Amino acid sequence: MDPVFRVMCDVAGLVTRGSDAARMEMQRMAAERERRTAAHVTAFVEQAIIASPASKRNPVPFYEWLKLAFRSL
C-alpha cells in the first residue's frame, strides 16, 4: 500500500504545482524571448539612428512605437 500512496502523492503534487522541469523550461523560454526582443529593439533603434542624419531626424510617431511593442509579443 505504501508505493500506491507515494504515487498518489506524486500525482497530486504534479496536478497542484506542475512539474519542476516544465516550470524551468517555461522560465528559460520566457527569458530567451525577452533577450531576443531586447536585441531586436536595440538593433532596430541603432539602425534607425545610423540611417538618418542628425539634421533630418524626425521623431517616430507614437503608433509606430506601439506597433513595435506589440510585434514583439
N, C-alpha and C. Protein backbone atom coordinates (compact mmCIF):
# COMPACT_ATOMS: atom_id res chain seq x y z
N MET A 1 0.82 -1.21 0.00
CA MET A 1 0.00 0.00 0.00
C MET A 1 0.86 1.26 0.00
N ASP A 2 2.06 1.18 0.56
CA ASP A 2 2.94 2.33 0.64
C ASP A 2 3.34 2.85 -0.74
N PRO A 3 3.71 1.99 -1.73
CA PRO A 3 4.05 2.52 -3.07
C PRO A 3 2.85 3.20 -3.75
N VAL A 4 1.66 2.67 -3.52
CA VAL A 4 0.47 3.28 -4.11
C VAL A 4 0.24 4.67 -3.53
N PHE A 5 0.44 4.79 -2.23
CA PHE A 5 0.27 6.10 -1.57
C PHE A 5 1.30 7.10 -2.10
N ARG A 6 2.54 6.65 -2.32
CA ARG A 6 3.58 7.54 -2.85
C ARG A 6 3.21 8.03 -4.26
N VAL A 7 2.71 7.13 -5.09
CA VAL A 7 2.31 7.51 -6.44
C VAL A 7 1.16 8.52 -6.38
N MET A 8 0.21 8.28 -5.49
CA MET A 8 -0.91 9.22 -5.35
C MET A 8 -0.42 10.59 -4.92
N CYS A 9 0.53 10.65 -4.01
CA CYS A 9 1.09 11.94 -3.56
C CYS A 9 1.84 12.62 -4.69
N ASP A 10 2.58 11.85 -5.51
CA ASP A 10 3.30 12.43 -6.65
C ASP A 10 2.32 13.01 -7.67
N VAL A 11 1.27 12.29 -7.95
CA VAL A 11 0.28 12.77 -8.91
C VAL A 11 -0.42 14.02 -8.38
N ALA A 12 -0.75 14.02 -7.11
CA ALA A 12 -1.39 15.20 -6.52
C ALA A 12 -0.46 16.41 -6.58
N GLY A 13 0.83 16.19 -6.34
CA GLY A 13 1.80 17.28 -6.43
C GLY A 13 1.93 17.82 -7.84
N LEU A 14 1.93 16.92 -8.84
CA LEU A 14 2.02 17.37 -10.23
C LEU A 14 0.78 18.15 -10.64
N VAL A 15 -0.37 17.70 -10.17
CA VAL A 15 -1.61 18.38 -10.54
C VAL A 15 -1.69 19.76 -9.90
N THR A 16 -1.28 19.88 -8.65
CA THR A 16 -1.41 21.16 -7.96
C THR A 16 -0.29 22.13 -8.29
N ARG A 17 0.95 21.62 -8.40
CA ARG A 17 2.09 22.51 -8.61
C ARG A 17 2.63 22.47 -10.02
N GLY A 18 2.45 21.40 -10.74
CA GLY A 18 3.09 21.23 -12.03
C GLY A 18 4.48 20.66 -11.82
N SER A 19 5.11 20.25 -12.89
CA SER A 19 6.44 19.64 -12.73
C SER A 19 7.51 20.73 -12.70
N ASP A 20 8.58 20.45 -11.99
CA ASP A 20 9.68 21.41 -11.90
C ASP A 20 10.37 21.57 -13.25
N ALA A 21 10.50 20.48 -14.00
CA ALA A 21 11.15 20.56 -15.31
C ALA A 21 10.35 21.45 -16.25
N ALA A 22 9.03 21.30 -16.25
CA ALA A 22 8.20 22.13 -17.12
C ALA A 22 8.27 23.59 -16.70
N ARG A 23 8.28 23.85 -15.41
CA ARG A 23 8.36 25.23 -14.93
C ARG A 23 9.70 25.86 -15.32
N MET A 24 10.80 25.10 -15.17
CA MET A 24 12.12 25.62 -15.53
C MET A 24 12.21 25.88 -17.04
N GLU A 25 11.64 25.00 -17.85
CA GLU A 25 11.66 25.19 -19.30
C GLU A 25 10.84 26.42 -19.69
N MET A 26 9.71 26.63 -19.04
CA MET A 26 8.88 27.79 -19.34
C MET A 26 9.63 29.08 -18.99
N GLN A 27 10.32 29.10 -17.86
CA GLN A 27 11.09 30.28 -17.46
C GLN A 27 12.24 30.52 -18.43
N ARG A 28 12.90 29.45 -18.89
CA ARG A 28 14.00 29.58 -19.84
C ARG A 28 13.50 30.16 -21.17
N MET A 29 12.34 29.67 -21.63
CA MET A 29 11.79 30.17 -22.89
C MET A 29 11.38 31.64 -22.75
N ALA A 30 10.82 32.03 -21.62
CA ALA A 30 10.44 33.43 -21.41
C ALA A 30 11.67 34.33 -21.39
N ALA A 31 12.74 33.89 -20.73
CA ALA A 31 13.97 34.67 -20.69
C ALA A 31 14.59 34.80 -22.08
N GLU A 32 14.55 33.72 -22.85
CA GLU A 32 15.08 33.75 -24.21
C GLU A 32 14.26 34.71 -25.08
N ARG A 33 12.94 34.69 -24.93
CA ARG A 33 12.08 35.59 -25.69
C ARG A 33 12.38 37.04 -25.34
N GLU A 34 12.55 37.34 -24.06
CA GLU A 34 12.87 38.71 -23.64
C GLU A 34 14.23 39.15 -24.19
N ARG A 35 15.21 38.23 -24.18
CA ARG A 35 16.54 38.56 -24.68
C ARG A 35 16.49 38.85 -26.18
N ARG A 36 15.76 38.04 -26.94
CA ARG A 36 15.64 38.27 -28.38
C ARG A 36 14.92 39.57 -28.67
N THR A 37 13.88 39.86 -27.91
CA THR A 37 13.13 41.11 -28.10
C THR A 37 14.01 42.32 -27.82
N ALA A 38 14.76 42.26 -26.73
CA ALA A 38 15.64 43.38 -26.38
C ALA A 38 16.71 43.56 -27.45
N ALA A 39 17.26 42.48 -27.97
CA ALA A 39 18.28 42.59 -29.01
C ALA A 39 17.68 43.15 -30.29
N HIS A 40 16.47 42.73 -30.62
CA HIS A 40 15.81 43.23 -31.84
C HIS A 40 15.50 44.72 -31.73
N VAL A 41 14.99 45.15 -30.59
CA VAL A 41 14.65 46.56 -30.40
C VAL A 41 15.92 47.41 -30.42
N THR A 42 16.98 46.92 -29.78
CA THR A 42 18.24 47.67 -29.77
C THR A 42 18.79 47.81 -31.18
N ALA A 43 18.77 46.73 -31.95
CA ALA A 43 19.27 46.78 -33.32
C ALA A 43 18.40 47.70 -34.17
N PHE A 44 17.10 47.64 -33.98
CA PHE A 44 16.19 48.49 -34.74
C PHE A 44 16.45 49.96 -34.45
N VAL A 45 16.60 50.32 -33.19
CA VAL A 45 16.83 51.72 -32.81
C VAL A 45 18.19 52.19 -33.32
N GLU A 46 19.23 51.35 -33.16
CA GLU A 46 20.56 51.73 -33.64
C GLU A 46 20.54 51.91 -35.16
N GLN A 47 19.85 51.04 -35.86
CA GLN A 47 19.77 51.14 -37.31
C GLN A 47 19.04 52.42 -37.72
N ALA A 48 17.99 52.77 -37.01
CA ALA A 48 17.25 53.99 -37.32
C ALA A 48 18.10 55.23 -37.07
N ILE A 49 18.90 55.21 -36.01
CA ILE A 49 19.74 56.37 -35.69
C ILE A 49 20.86 56.50 -36.71
N ILE A 50 21.46 55.38 -37.10
CA ILE A 50 22.56 55.42 -38.06
C ILE A 50 22.04 55.80 -39.45
N ALA A 51 20.87 55.35 -39.82
CA ALA A 51 20.34 55.57 -41.17
C ALA A 51 19.95 57.02 -41.41
N SER A 52 19.54 57.74 -40.39
CA SER A 52 19.08 59.11 -40.61
C SER A 52 20.11 60.10 -40.06
N PRO A 53 20.48 61.09 -40.88
CA PRO A 53 21.41 62.11 -40.38
C PRO A 53 20.79 62.92 -39.25
N ALA A 54 21.63 63.51 -38.42
CA ALA A 54 21.15 64.24 -37.25
C ALA A 54 20.30 65.45 -37.64
N SER A 55 20.59 66.06 -38.76
CA SER A 55 19.83 67.25 -39.15
C SER A 55 18.44 66.91 -39.68
N LYS A 56 18.23 65.69 -40.16
CA LYS A 56 16.95 65.33 -40.76
C LYS A 56 16.15 64.35 -39.90
N ARG A 57 16.54 64.18 -38.66
CA ARG A 57 15.83 63.23 -37.80
C ARG A 57 14.42 63.70 -37.50
N ASN A 58 13.47 62.84 -37.70
CA ASN A 58 12.08 63.12 -37.36
C ASN A 58 11.68 62.20 -36.22
N PRO A 59 10.95 62.71 -35.26
CA PRO A 59 10.51 61.81 -34.20
C PRO A 59 9.55 60.77 -34.75
N VAL A 60 9.71 59.56 -34.29
CA VAL A 60 8.84 58.48 -34.75
C VAL A 60 7.47 58.66 -34.11
N PRO A 61 6.41 58.60 -34.90
CA PRO A 61 5.07 58.76 -34.32
C PRO A 61 4.77 57.68 -33.29
N PHE A 62 3.89 58.01 -32.39
CA PHE A 62 3.56 57.11 -31.29
C PHE A 62 3.07 55.76 -31.78
N TYR A 63 2.27 55.74 -32.83
CA TYR A 63 1.71 54.48 -33.29
C TYR A 63 2.78 53.55 -33.83
N GLU A 64 3.89 54.08 -34.35
CA GLU A 64 4.99 53.21 -34.80
C GLU A 64 5.62 52.49 -33.61
N TRP A 65 5.81 53.20 -32.51
CA TRP A 65 6.36 52.56 -31.31
C TRP A 65 5.37 51.54 -30.77
N LEU A 66 4.09 51.86 -30.86
CA LEU A 66 3.08 50.93 -30.38
C LEU A 66 3.07 49.66 -31.22
N LYS A 67 3.18 49.80 -32.54
CA LYS A 67 3.24 48.62 -33.41
C LYS A 67 4.47 47.78 -33.09
N LEU A 68 5.60 48.44 -32.83
CA LEU A 68 6.83 47.72 -32.50
C LEU A 68 6.68 46.96 -31.20
N ALA A 69 6.03 47.57 -30.22
CA ALA A 69 5.84 46.91 -28.93
C ALA A 69 4.95 45.68 -29.06
N PHE A 70 3.88 45.75 -29.86
CA PHE A 70 3.00 44.60 -30.00
C PHE A 70 3.57 43.55 -30.95
N ARG A 71 4.46 43.93 -31.84
CA ARG A 71 5.07 42.97 -32.75
C ARG A 71 5.94 41.99 -31.97
N SER A 72 6.58 42.45 -30.91
CA SER A 72 7.49 41.58 -30.14
C SER A 72 6.72 40.57 -29.29
N LEU A 73 5.43 40.76 -29.07
CA LEU A 73 4.65 39.80 -28.30
C LEU A 73 4.33 38.65 -29.18
